[in-house]
Amino acid sequence: ESSEFCTRHHDVQKDCAAVRAEIEVLRSERLAYEQEGIQTREALARSEAYCMAIEARVAVLETHAHRLEWQRQAVDDLAVQHILRTQALEAGARDDTLEDTGSSS
């Protein structure tokens, strides 16, 4: 009976040692996962900040593109006005030339 007790006691001690070793492994893994979680959250924060910066840059570029479009439309309008004025002046000059030609004959 004493021998059986010693054997069981020894087995229990081995089991306890194995459980302690497993606990240490799990603690190490937990620390590694916590560290990985911290790094992941930091990477996410950097990514979100970068994304916000890109969104802000896109907004600036869109505003600039709208301004350029308005300027292009204004230039187009000025060009049309200039063409119409030129055509009116040319028509007036032709009329004057015809009147001069008609009155001199």
N, C-alpha and C. Protein backbone atom coordinates (compact mmCIF):
# COMPACT_ATOMS: atom_id res chain seq x y z
N GLU A 1 0.82 -1.19 0.00
CA GLU A 1 0.00 0.00 0.00
C GLU A 1 0.87 1.26 0.00
N SER A 2 1.94 1.21 0.74
CA SER A 2 2.84 2.34 0.81
C SER A 2 3.50 2.57 -0.55
N SER A 3 3.82 1.50 -1.23
CA SER A 3 4.43 1.61 -2.54
C SER A 3 3.44 2.22 -3.54
N GLU A 4 2.19 1.78 -3.43
CA GLU A 4 1.15 2.33 -4.31
C GLU A 4 0.96 3.82 -4.04
N PHE A 5 0.98 4.19 -2.78
CA PHE A 5 0.84 5.60 -2.40
C PHE A 5 1.98 6.42 -2.99
N CYS A 6 3.19 5.88 -2.87
CA CYS A 6 4.35 6.60 -3.40
C CYS A 6 4.24 6.75 -4.91
N THR A 7 3.79 5.71 -5.58
CA THR A 7 3.63 5.76 -7.03
C THR A 7 2.59 6.80 -7.43
N ARG A 8 1.46 6.76 -6.74
CA ARG A 8 0.39 7.73 -7.05
C ARG A 8 0.85 9.15 -6.72
N HIS A 9 1.55 9.29 -5.61
CA HIS A 9 2.05 10.60 -5.22
C HIS A 9 3.02 11.12 -6.29
N HIS A 10 3.88 10.25 -6.75
CA HIS A 10 4.84 10.62 -7.79
C HIS A 10 4.11 11.00 -9.09
N ASP A 11 3.09 10.23 -9.46
CA ASP A 11 2.30 10.53 -10.66
C ASP A 11 1.61 11.89 -10.54
N VAL A 12 1.06 12.15 -9.36
CA VAL A 12 0.40 13.44 -9.13
C VAL A 12 1.40 14.57 -9.25
N GLN A 13 2.59 14.38 -8.70
CA GLN A 13 3.62 15.42 -8.79
C GLN A 13 4.00 15.67 -10.26
N LYS A 14 4.12 14.58 -11.04
CA LYS A 14 4.43 14.73 -12.46
C LYS A 14 3.30 15.45 -13.19
N ASP A 15 2.05 15.08 -12.84
CA ASP A 15 0.90 15.76 -13.45
C ASP A 15 0.90 17.24 -13.11
N CYS A 16 1.18 17.55 -11.85
CA CYS A 16 1.23 18.96 -11.42
C CYS A 16 2.32 19.71 -12.18
N ALA A 17 3.47 19.08 -12.34
CA ALA A 17 4.56 19.72 -13.07
C ALA A 17 4.16 19.95 -14.53
N ALA A 18 3.48 18.96 -15.11
CA ALA A 18 3.03 19.11 -16.50
C ALA A 18 2.01 20.23 -16.62
N VAL A 19 1.10 20.31 -15.65
CA VAL A 19 0.09 21.38 -15.67
C VAL A 19 0.76 22.73 -15.51
N ARG A 20 1.74 22.82 -14.60
CA ARG A 20 2.47 24.08 -14.41
C ARG A 20 3.19 24.49 -15.70
N ALA A 21 3.82 23.51 -16.34
CA ALA A 21 4.51 23.80 -17.60
C ALA A 21 3.53 24.28 -18.66
N GLU A 22 2.37 23.65 -18.73
CA GLU A 22 1.35 24.07 -19.70
C GLU A 22 0.85 25.47 -19.37
N ILE A 23 0.70 25.76 -18.09
CA ILE A 23 0.28 27.11 -17.67
C ILE A 23 1.32 28.14 -18.13
N GLU A 24 2.59 27.82 -17.98
CA GLU A 24 3.65 28.75 -18.42
C GLU A 24 3.61 28.96 -19.93
N VAL A 25 3.38 27.86 -20.66
CA VAL A 25 3.26 27.99 -22.12
C VAL A 25 2.08 28.88 -22.47
N LEU A 26 0.96 28.66 -21.81
CA LEU A 26 -0.24 29.47 -22.09
C LEU A 26 -0.01 30.94 -21.73
N ARG A 27 0.71 31.17 -20.62
CA ARG A 27 1.03 32.57 -20.25
C ARG A 27 1.90 33.22 -21.32
N SER A 28 2.89 32.48 -21.79
CA SER A 28 3.76 33.01 -22.84
C SER A 28 2.96 33.31 -24.10
N GLU A 29 2.08 32.38 -24.47
CA GLU A 29 1.25 32.60 -25.65
C GLU A 29 0.32 33.79 -25.46
N ARG A 30 -0.23 33.91 -24.25
CA ARG A 30 -1.12 35.05 -23.97
C ARG A 30 -0.36 36.35 -24.13
N LEU A 31 0.86 36.41 -23.58
CA LEU A 31 1.66 37.63 -23.72
C LEU A 31 1.96 37.92 -25.20
N ALA A 32 2.26 36.86 -25.95
CA ALA A 32 2.53 37.05 -27.38
C ALA A 32 1.28 37.57 -28.09
N TYR A 33 0.12 37.01 -27.76
CA TYR A 33 -1.14 37.46 -28.38
C TYR A 33 -1.47 38.89 -27.97
N GLU A 34 -1.20 39.22 -26.70
CA GLU A 34 -1.45 40.60 -26.26
C GLU A 34 -0.55 41.56 -27.02
N GLN A 35 0.72 41.18 -27.17
CA GLN A 35 1.66 42.03 -27.91
C GLN A 35 1.22 42.17 -29.36
N GLU A 36 0.80 41.06 -29.95
CA GLU A 36 0.31 41.09 -31.33
C GLU A 36 -0.94 41.96 -31.44
N GLY A 37 -1.80 41.88 -30.43
CA GLY A 37 -3.00 42.72 -30.41
C GLY A 37 -2.65 44.20 -30.35
N ILE A 38 -1.66 44.53 -29.52
CA ILE A 38 -1.22 45.93 -29.41
C ILE A 38 -0.68 46.40 -30.76
N GLN A 39 0.16 45.57 -31.38
CA GLN A 39 0.73 45.94 -32.68
C GLN A 39 -0.36 46.07 -33.74
N THR A 40 -1.35 45.19 -33.68
CA THR A 40 -2.45 45.25 -34.65
C THR A 40 -3.26 46.52 -34.46
N ARG A 41 -3.55 46.88 -33.20
CA ARG A 41 -4.30 48.12 -32.95
C ARG A 41 -3.50 49.35 -33.39
N GLU A 42 -2.18 49.32 -33.15
CA GLU A 42 -1.35 50.44 -33.59
C GLU A 42 -1.35 50.54 -35.12
N ALA A 43 -1.24 49.39 -35.78
CA ALA A 43 -1.26 49.39 -37.25
C ALA A 43 -2.60 49.89 -37.77
N LEU A 44 -3.68 49.49 -37.11
CA LEU A 44 -5.01 49.95 -37.50
C LEU A 44 -5.12 51.46 -37.33
N ALA A 45 -4.61 51.97 -36.21
CA ALA A 45 -4.67 53.42 -35.98
C ALA A 45 -3.87 54.16 -37.06
N ARG A 46 -2.69 53.64 -37.39
CA ARG A 46 -1.89 54.27 -38.46
C ARG A 46 -2.63 54.21 -39.79
N SER A 47 -3.23 53.07 -40.07
CA SER A 47 -3.97 52.91 -41.32
C SER A 47 -5.15 53.86 -41.39
N GLU A 48 -5.88 53.99 -40.28
CA GLU A 48 -7.03 54.91 -40.26
C GLU A 48 -6.58 56.35 -40.43
N ALA A 49 -5.46 56.72 -39.79
CA ALA A 49 -4.94 58.08 -39.94
C ALA A 49 -4.52 58.34 -41.38
N TYR A 50 -3.87 57.35 -42.00
CA TYR A 50 -3.46 57.48 -43.39
C TYR A 50 -4.68 57.61 -44.30
N CYS A 51 -5.69 56.82 -44.02
CA CYS A 51 -6.93 56.86 -44.80
C CYS A 51 -7.59 58.24 -44.68
N MET A 52 -7.61 58.78 -43.47
CA MET A 52 -8.20 60.11 -43.27
C MET A 52 -7.40 61.17 -44.03
N ALA A 53 -6.07 61.03 -44.03
CA ALA A 53 -5.23 61.98 -44.76
C ALA A 53 -5.51 61.88 -46.26
N ILE A 54 -5.67 60.67 -46.76
CA ILE A 54 -5.98 60.50 -48.19
C ILE A 54 -7.35 61.09 -48.50
N GLU A 55 -8.34 60.87 -47.63
CA GLU A 55 -9.67 61.44 -47.86
C GLU A 55 -9.61 62.96 -47.89
N ALA A 56 -8.81 63.54 -46.99
CA ALA A 56 -8.67 65.00 -46.98
C ALA A 56 -8.01 65.48 -48.28
N ARG A 57 -7.00 64.75 -48.73
CA ARG A 57 -6.31 65.12 -49.97
C ARG A 57 -7.26 65.01 -51.16
N VAL A 58 -8.08 63.97 -51.18
CA VAL A 58 -9.07 63.80 -52.26
C VAL A 58 -10.04 64.98 -52.26
N ALA A 59 -10.48 65.40 -51.07
CA ALA A 59 -11.40 66.53 -50.98
C ALA A 59 -10.75 67.80 -51.54
N VAL A 60 -9.47 68.01 -51.20
CA VAL A 60 -8.75 69.18 -51.72
C VAL A 60 -8.65 69.11 -53.25
N LEU A 61 -8.31 67.93 -53.76
CA LEU A 61 -8.17 67.77 -55.21
C LEU A 61 -9.52 67.93 -55.92
N GLU A 62 -10.59 67.44 -55.31
CA GLU A 62 -11.92 67.62 -55.91
C GLU A 62 -12.29 69.09 -55.96
N THR A 63 -12.01 69.82 -54.88
CA THR A 63 -12.29 71.26 -54.85
C THR A 63 -11.48 71.96 -55.94
N HIS A 64 -10.22 71.59 -56.06
CA HIS A 64 -9.36 72.19 -57.09
C HIS A 64 -9.89 71.87 -58.49
N ALA A 65 -10.33 70.63 -58.69
CA ALA A 65 -10.88 70.23 -59.99
C ALA A 65 -12.14 71.03 -60.32
N HIS A 66 -12.99 71.26 -59.31
CA HIS A 66 -14.20 72.07 -59.54
C HIS A 66 -13.82 73.50 -59.91
N ARG A 67 -12.83 74.05 -59.20
CA ARG A 67 -12.38 75.41 -59.52
C ARG A 67 -11.86 75.49 -60.95
N LEU A 68 -11.07 74.50 -61.33
CA LEU A 68 -10.54 74.49 -62.70
C LEU A 68 -11.66 74.37 -63.72
N GLU A 69 -12.67 73.59 -63.42
CA GLU A 69 -13.82 73.46 -64.32
C GLU A 69 -14.56 74.79 -64.45
N TRP A 70 -14.75 75.48 -63.31
CA TRP A 70 -15.41 76.79 -63.36
C TRP A 70 -14.58 77.77 -64.19
N GLN A 71 -13.25 77.74 -64.00
CA GLN A 71 -12.38 78.62 -64.77
C GLN A 71 -12.47 78.29 -66.26
N ARG A 72 -12.49 77.01 -66.59
CA ARG A 72 -12.60 76.60 -68.00
C ARG A 72 -13.91 77.11 -68.59
N GLN A 73 -15.00 76.99 -67.83
CA GLN A 73 -16.29 77.47 -68.32
C GLN A 73 -16.26 78.98 -68.51
N ALA A 74 -15.62 79.68 -67.58
CA ALA A 74 -15.52 81.14 -67.70
C ALA A 74 -14.72 81.52 -68.94
N VAL A 75 -13.63 80.80 -69.19
CA VAL A 75 -12.81 81.07 -70.38
C VAL A 75 -13.62 80.75 -71.64
N ASP A 76 -14.36 79.65 -71.63
CA ASP A 76 -15.22 79.33 -72.78
C ASP A 76 -16.23 80.45 -73.02
N ASP A 77 -16.86 80.94 -71.95
CA ASP A 77 -17.83 82.03 -72.08
C ASP A 77 -17.17 83.28 -72.66
N LEU A 78 -15.97 83.61 -72.18
CA LEU A 78 -15.26 84.78 -72.70
C LEU A 78 -14.91 84.58 -74.17
N ALA A 79 -14.51 83.37 -74.53
CA ALA A 79 -14.18 83.10 -75.93
C ALA A 79 -15.40 83.27 -76.82
N VAL A 80 -16.55 82.77 -76.38
CA VAL A 80 -17.79 82.92 -77.16
C VAL A 80 -18.14 84.40 -77.28
N GLN A 81 -18.03 85.15 -76.18
CA GLN A 81 -18.32 86.60 -76.23
C GLN A 81 -17.38 87.29 -77.22
N HIS A 82 -16.10 86.92 -77.17
CA HIS A 82 -15.12 87.52 -78.07
C HIS A 82 -15.45 87.19 -79.53
N ILE A 83 -15.81 85.95 -79.79
CA ILE A 83 -16.17 85.55 -81.16
C ILE A 83 -17.39 86.33 -81.63
N LEU A 84 -18.41 86.44 -80.76
CA LEU A 84 -19.62 87.18 -81.14
C LEU A 84 -19.31 88.65 -81.39
N ARG A 85 -18.47 89.25 -80.53
CA ARG A 85 -18.08 90.65 -80.72
C ARG A 85 -17.31 90.83 -82.02
N THR A 86 -16.39 89.89 -82.28
CA THR A 86 -15.60 89.96 -83.51
C THR A 86 -16.51 89.85 -84.73
N GLN A 87 -17.46 88.90 -84.67
CA GLN A 87 -18.38 88.74 -85.80
C GLN A 87 -19.23 90.00 -85.98
N ALA A 88 -19.66 90.60 -84.87
CA ALA A 88 -20.46 91.83 -84.97
C ALA A 88 -19.63 92.95 -85.57
N LEU A 89 -18.38 93.08 -85.14
CA LEU A 89 -17.50 94.12 -85.69
C LEU A 89 -17.24 93.88 -87.18
N GLU A 90 -17.00 92.61 -87.53
CA GLU A 90 -16.77 92.30 -88.95
C GLU A 90 -18.02 92.61 -89.78
N ALA A 91 -19.19 92.27 -89.24
CA ALA A 91 -20.44 92.56 -89.97
C ALA A 91 -20.61 94.06 -90.12
N GLY A 92 -20.32 94.80 -89.04
CA GLY A 92 -20.41 96.27 -89.12
C GLY A 92 -19.42 96.83 -90.12
N ALA A 93 -18.23 96.28 -90.16
CA ALA A 93 -17.22 96.75 -91.11
C ALA A 93 -17.66 96.46 -92.54
N ARG A 94 -18.27 95.29 -92.77
CA ARG A 94 -18.76 94.97 -94.12
C ARG A 94 -19.86 95.95 -94.53
N ASP A 95 -20.75 96.24 -93.58
CA ASP A 95 -21.83 97.18 -93.88
C ASP A 95 -21.25 98.54 -94.23
N ASP A 96 -20.26 98.98 -93.45
CA ASP A 96 -19.63 100.28 -93.73
C ASP A 96 -18.96 100.26 -95.10
N THR A 97 -18.30 99.15 -95.41
CA THR A 97 -17.62 99.03 -96.70
C THR A 97 -18.64 99.06 -97.83
N LEU A 98 -19.76 98.36 -97.67
CA LEU A 98 -20.80 98.37 -98.70
C LEU A 98 -21.39 99.76 -98.85
N GLU A 99 -21.59 100.45 -97.74
CA GLU A 99 -22.14 101.81 -97.82
C GLU A 99 -21.16 102.74 -98.52
N ASP A 100 -19.86 102.58 -98.17
CA ASP A 100 -18.84 103.42 -98.80
C ASP A 100 -18.76 103.13 -100.30
N THR A 101 -18.85 101.86 -100.64
CA THR A 101 -18.78 101.47 -102.05
C THR A 101 -20.02 101.96 -102.78
N GLY A 102 -21.16 101.87 -102.15
CA GLY A 102 -22.40 102.30 -102.77
C GLY A 102 -22.46 103.82 -102.93
N SER A 103 -21.94 104.56 -101.99
CA SER A 103 -22.02 106.01 -102.07
C SER A 103 -20.97 106.58 -103.01
N SER A 104 -19.89 105.86 -103.23
CA SER A 104 -18.85 106.38 -104.12
C SER A 104 -19.16 106.08 -105.57
N SER A 105 -20.09 105.24 -105.87
CA SER A 105 -20.36 104.96 -107.27
C SER A 105 -21.37 105.87 -107.87
